Amino acid sequence: MLIYKVPSFMLWIFVLPAIFGATTSLSPIHIPWIMSDDKNVRTDTQLDNIGQPKGSFIVSAQVYLWGLLLITSFAFSGVISKITKTSMPSLTRN
């Protein structure tokens, strides 16, 4: 169990924030917590000590990858469960 957990925690700590912290798309509507606003853009475009931008937001309304995955999961889970007839019987009454 320890042989499995240590690499998993290392992956979780070092790799996943770099992947899921990336911005992927622009949103036409403002959704708090999963997209950037003007305040994020102002702080992220400032340069650090070596001349690199501090964050990943360049323009307003950029969406994080995990936010895009969350939105698409909520949007398509009902449709996919109806098509594949895998919806939970206790939640759907006819």
N, C-alpha and C. Protein backbone atom coordinates (compact mmCIF):
# COMPACT_ATOMS: atom_id res chain seq x y z
N MET A 1 0.82 -1.19 0.00
CA MET A 1 0.00 0.00 0.00
C MET A 1 0.88 1.26 0.00
N LEU A 2 1.94 1.23 0.74
CA LEU A 2 2.84 2.37 0.79
C LEU A 2 3.53 2.59 -0.56
N ILE A 3 3.83 1.49 -1.25
CA ILE A 3 4.47 1.59 -2.56
C ILE A 3 3.53 2.28 -3.56
N TYR A 4 2.24 2.12 -3.39
CA TYR A 4 1.27 2.77 -4.26
C TYR A 4 1.01 4.21 -3.84
N LYS A 5 0.90 4.47 -2.55
CA LYS A 5 0.51 5.79 -2.07
C LYS A 5 1.57 6.87 -2.28
N VAL A 6 2.81 6.55 -2.06
CA VAL A 6 3.85 7.57 -2.19
C VAL A 6 3.94 8.11 -3.61
N PRO A 7 4.02 7.27 -4.65
CA PRO A 7 4.01 7.85 -6.00
C PRO A 7 2.71 8.57 -6.33
N SER A 8 1.60 8.09 -5.81
CA SER A 8 0.33 8.76 -6.07
C SER A 8 0.30 10.15 -5.47
N PHE A 9 0.79 10.27 -4.23
CA PHE A 9 0.83 11.58 -3.60
C PHE A 9 1.81 12.51 -4.32
N MET A 10 2.92 11.98 -4.78
CA MET A 10 3.87 12.81 -5.52
C MET A 10 3.25 13.31 -6.83
N LEU A 11 2.53 12.42 -7.50
CA LEU A 11 1.83 12.82 -8.72
C LEU A 11 0.79 13.88 -8.41
N TRP A 12 0.03 13.67 -7.36
CA TRP A 12 -1.03 14.60 -6.97
C TRP A 12 -0.45 15.97 -6.61
N ILE A 13 0.67 16.01 -5.92
CA ILE A 13 1.23 17.27 -5.44
C ILE A 13 1.95 18.03 -6.55
N PHE A 14 2.70 17.34 -7.40
CA PHE A 14 3.56 18.03 -8.35
C PHE A 14 3.00 18.13 -9.77
N VAL A 15 2.34 17.10 -10.26
CA VAL A 15 1.94 17.08 -11.66
C VAL A 15 0.54 17.65 -11.88
N LEU A 16 -0.42 17.25 -11.08
CA LEU A 16 -1.80 17.66 -11.34
C LEU A 16 -2.04 19.16 -11.24
N PRO A 17 -1.43 19.91 -10.29
CA PRO A 17 -1.65 21.36 -10.32
C PRO A 17 -1.14 22.03 -11.59
N ALA A 18 -0.06 21.49 -12.14
CA ALA A 18 0.46 22.07 -13.38
C ALA A 18 -0.49 21.80 -14.55
N ILE A 19 -1.15 20.66 -14.54
CA ILE A 19 -2.07 20.33 -15.62
C ILE A 19 -3.42 21.01 -15.44
N PHE A 20 -4.02 20.83 -14.26
CA PHE A 20 -5.35 21.35 -14.04
C PHE A 20 -5.36 22.83 -13.71
N GLY A 21 -4.21 23.44 -13.48
CA GLY A 21 -4.14 24.87 -13.26
C GLY A 21 -4.02 25.65 -14.56
N ALA A 22 -3.94 24.94 -15.67
CA ALA A 22 -3.82 25.60 -16.97
C ALA A 22 -5.18 26.16 -17.41
N THR A 23 -5.14 27.22 -18.17
CA THR A 23 -6.37 27.77 -18.71
C THR A 23 -6.60 27.21 -20.10
N THR A 24 -7.88 26.94 -20.42
CA THR A 24 -8.16 26.23 -21.66
C THR A 24 -9.07 26.96 -22.61
N SER A 25 -10.00 27.75 -22.09
CA SER A 25 -10.99 28.35 -22.97
C SER A 25 -11.45 29.68 -22.42
N LEU A 26 -12.26 30.37 -23.20
CA LEU A 26 -12.87 31.63 -22.78
C LEU A 26 -14.36 31.41 -22.60
N SER A 27 -14.91 31.99 -21.54
CA SER A 27 -16.33 31.83 -21.25
C SER A 27 -17.08 33.11 -21.59
N PRO A 28 -18.22 33.01 -22.26
CA PRO A 28 -19.00 34.22 -22.58
C PRO A 28 -19.76 34.76 -21.37
N ILE A 29 -19.96 33.93 -20.34
CA ILE A 29 -20.64 34.38 -19.13
C ILE A 29 -19.69 34.24 -17.94
N HIS A 30 -19.91 35.05 -16.92
CA HIS A 30 -19.04 35.00 -15.74
C HIS A 30 -19.50 33.91 -14.78
N ILE A 31 -18.61 32.99 -14.47
CA ILE A 31 -18.88 31.93 -13.51
C ILE A 31 -17.79 32.04 -12.44
N PRO A 32 -18.17 32.41 -11.21
CA PRO A 32 -17.14 32.59 -10.17
C PRO A 32 -16.40 31.31 -9.86
N TRP A 33 -15.17 31.43 -9.36
CA TRP A 33 -14.29 30.37 -8.87
C TRP A 33 -13.68 29.49 -9.95
N ILE A 34 -14.19 29.45 -11.16
CA ILE A 34 -13.57 28.60 -12.17
C ILE A 34 -13.03 29.41 -13.35
N MET A 35 -13.13 30.71 -13.27
CA MET A 35 -12.63 31.54 -14.36
C MET A 35 -12.01 32.81 -13.82
N SER A 36 -11.26 33.49 -14.66
CA SER A 36 -10.56 34.69 -14.24
C SER A 36 -11.46 35.91 -14.34
N ASP A 37 -11.10 36.91 -13.56
CA ASP A 37 -11.75 38.22 -13.67
C ASP A 37 -10.64 39.27 -13.83
N ASP A 38 -11.02 40.53 -13.83
CA ASP A 38 -10.03 41.58 -14.06
C ASP A 38 -8.96 41.62 -12.97
N LYS A 39 -9.34 41.32 -11.73
CA LYS A 39 -8.37 41.32 -10.63
C LYS A 39 -7.30 40.24 -10.84
N ASN A 40 -7.71 39.05 -11.26
CA ASN A 40 -6.75 37.98 -11.53
C ASN A 40 -5.80 38.35 -12.66
N VAL A 41 -6.32 38.98 -13.69
CA VAL A 41 -5.48 39.35 -14.83
C VAL A 41 -4.44 40.38 -14.41
N ARG A 42 -4.85 41.35 -13.59
CA ARG A 42 -3.89 42.37 -13.13
C ARG A 42 -2.77 41.75 -12.31
N THR A 43 -3.08 40.84 -11.40
CA THR A 43 -2.03 40.24 -10.57
C THR A 43 -1.21 39.20 -11.33
N ASP A 44 -1.83 38.46 -12.25
CA ASP A 44 -1.11 37.41 -12.96
C ASP A 44 -0.20 37.94 -14.05
N THR A 45 -0.48 39.10 -14.59
CA THR A 45 0.37 39.63 -15.66
C THR A 45 1.56 40.42 -15.12
N GLN A 46 1.62 40.62 -13.80
CA GLN A 46 2.81 41.26 -13.23
C GLN A 46 3.98 40.30 -13.34
N LEU A 47 5.16 40.84 -13.46
CA LEU A 47 6.35 40.00 -13.64
C LEU A 47 6.99 39.69 -12.29
N ASP A 48 7.57 38.49 -12.18
CA ASP A 48 8.29 38.13 -10.96
C ASP A 48 9.74 38.58 -11.08
N ASN A 49 10.61 38.09 -10.21
CA ASN A 49 12.01 38.53 -10.17
C ASN A 49 12.81 38.19 -11.42
N ILE A 50 12.44 37.13 -12.13
CA ILE A 50 13.21 36.75 -13.32
C ILE A 50 12.52 37.16 -14.63
N GLY A 51 11.47 37.96 -14.53
CA GLY A 51 10.82 38.48 -15.72
C GLY A 51 9.71 37.63 -16.30
N GLN A 52 9.27 36.62 -15.59
CA GLN A 52 8.19 35.76 -16.06
C GLN A 52 6.87 36.21 -15.43
N PRO A 53 5.74 36.06 -16.14
CA PRO A 53 4.45 36.40 -15.53
C PRO A 53 4.18 35.50 -14.32
N LYS A 54 3.50 36.07 -13.30
CA LYS A 54 3.26 35.33 -12.06
C LYS A 54 2.21 34.23 -12.21
N GLY A 55 1.23 34.41 -13.06
CA GLY A 55 0.15 33.43 -13.14
C GLY A 55 -0.16 33.04 -14.56
N SER A 56 -1.27 32.32 -14.71
CA SER A 56 -1.62 31.78 -16.02
C SER A 56 -2.69 32.59 -16.75
N PHE A 57 -3.29 33.57 -16.10
CA PHE A 57 -4.34 34.35 -16.75
C PHE A 57 -3.74 35.51 -17.52
N ILE A 58 -4.13 35.61 -18.79
CA ILE A 58 -3.65 36.70 -19.63
C ILE A 58 -4.79 37.66 -19.95
N VAL A 59 -5.96 37.12 -20.24
CA VAL A 59 -7.15 37.94 -20.49
C VAL A 59 -8.26 37.52 -19.53
N SER A 60 -9.23 38.39 -19.38
CA SER A 60 -10.35 38.09 -18.50
C SER A 60 -11.25 37.02 -19.13
N ALA A 61 -11.93 36.25 -18.31
CA ALA A 61 -12.89 35.20 -18.70
C ALA A 61 -12.23 33.92 -19.15
N GLN A 62 -10.95 33.69 -18.82
CA GLN A 62 -10.33 32.41 -19.11
C GLN A 62 -10.80 31.39 -18.08
N VAL A 63 -10.99 30.15 -18.51
CA VAL A 63 -11.51 29.09 -17.65
C VAL A 63 -10.41 28.08 -17.39
N TYR A 64 -10.29 27.64 -16.12
CA TYR A 64 -9.35 26.58 -15.77
C TYR A 64 -9.79 25.27 -16.43
N LEU A 65 -8.84 24.36 -16.63
CA LEU A 65 -9.15 23.06 -17.20
C LEU A 65 -10.12 22.29 -16.32
N TRP A 66 -9.91 22.29 -15.00
CA TRP A 66 -10.81 21.55 -14.12
C TRP A 66 -12.21 22.16 -14.14
N GLY A 67 -12.32 23.47 -14.34
CA GLY A 67 -13.63 24.10 -14.45
C GLY A 67 -14.35 23.70 -15.72
N LEU A 68 -13.60 23.62 -16.81
CA LEU A 68 -14.20 23.18 -18.07
C LEU A 68 -14.66 21.73 -17.98
N LEU A 69 -13.85 20.88 -17.34
CA LEU A 69 -14.25 19.48 -17.15
C LEU A 69 -15.48 19.37 -16.27
N LEU A 70 -15.58 20.22 -15.24
CA LEU A 70 -16.75 20.21 -14.36
C LEU A 70 -18.00 20.65 -15.10
N ILE A 71 -17.91 21.70 -15.88
CA ILE A 71 -19.06 22.19 -16.65
C ILE A 71 -19.54 21.14 -17.65
N THR A 72 -18.61 20.56 -18.39
CA THR A 72 -19.02 19.56 -19.39
C THR A 72 -19.56 18.30 -18.74
N SER A 73 -19.04 17.94 -17.58
CA SER A 73 -19.56 16.77 -16.87
C SER A 73 -21.01 17.00 -16.44
N PHE A 74 -21.28 18.16 -15.86
CA PHE A 74 -22.66 18.48 -15.46
C PHE A 74 -23.57 18.59 -16.67
N ALA A 75 -23.07 19.15 -17.75
CA ALA A 75 -23.91 19.39 -18.92
C ALA A 75 -24.30 18.10 -19.64
N PHE A 76 -23.39 17.14 -19.71
CA PHE A 76 -23.64 15.96 -20.52
C PHE A 76 -23.97 14.70 -19.73
N SER A 77 -23.88 14.71 -18.41
CA SER A 77 -24.13 13.48 -17.65
C SER A 77 -25.59 13.03 -17.77
N GLY A 78 -26.54 13.96 -17.75
CA GLY A 78 -27.94 13.58 -17.90
C GLY A 78 -28.26 13.05 -19.28
N VAL A 79 -27.70 13.68 -20.30
CA VAL A 79 -27.94 13.25 -21.67
C VAL A 79 -27.37 11.86 -21.91
N ILE A 80 -26.13 11.65 -21.45
CA ILE A 80 -25.49 10.35 -21.65
C ILE A 80 -26.21 9.26 -20.88
N SER A 81 -26.67 9.55 -19.66
CA SER A 81 -27.38 8.52 -18.90
C SER A 81 -28.73 8.19 -19.51
N LYS A 82 -29.38 9.15 -20.15
CA LYS A 82 -30.65 8.85 -20.84
C LYS A 82 -30.40 8.02 -22.10
N ILE A 83 -29.36 8.36 -22.85
CA ILE A 83 -29.07 7.63 -24.08
C ILE A 83 -28.68 6.19 -23.78
N THR A 84 -27.86 5.99 -22.77
CA THR A 84 -27.39 4.65 -22.44
C THR A 84 -28.31 3.91 -21.48
N LYS A 85 -29.39 4.57 -21.06
CA LYS A 85 -30.37 4.01 -20.11
C LYS A 85 -29.70 3.52 -18.84
N THR A 86 -28.82 4.33 -18.30
CA THR A 86 -28.12 4.00 -17.07
C THR A 86 -28.47 4.95 -15.93
N SER A 87 -29.60 5.63 -16.03
CA SER A 87 -29.98 6.56 -14.97
C SER A 87 -30.41 5.79 -13.72
N MET A 88 -30.34 6.44 -12.59
CA MET A 88 -30.69 5.79 -11.33
C MET A 88 -32.20 5.68 -11.21
N PRO A 89 -32.74 4.49 -10.99
CA PRO A 89 -34.19 4.31 -10.96
C PRO A 89 -34.88 5.07 -9.83
N SER A 90 -34.19 5.29 -8.73
CA SER A 90 -34.81 5.99 -7.61
C SER A 90 -34.97 7.48 -7.88
N LEU A 91 -34.23 8.00 -8.82
CA LEU A 91 -34.29 9.44 -9.10
C LEU A 91 -35.22 9.77 -10.27
N THR A 92 -35.55 8.82 -11.09
CA THR A 92 -36.42 9.09 -12.24
C THR A 92 -37.70 8.30 -12.10
N ARG A 93 -38.78 9.01 -11.96
CA ARG A 93 -40.09 8.35 -11.89
C ARG A 93 -40.86 8.69 -13.15
N ASN A 94 -41.52 7.72 -13.71
CA ASN A 94 -42.29 7.94 -14.94
C ASN A 94 -43.76 7.88 -14.64
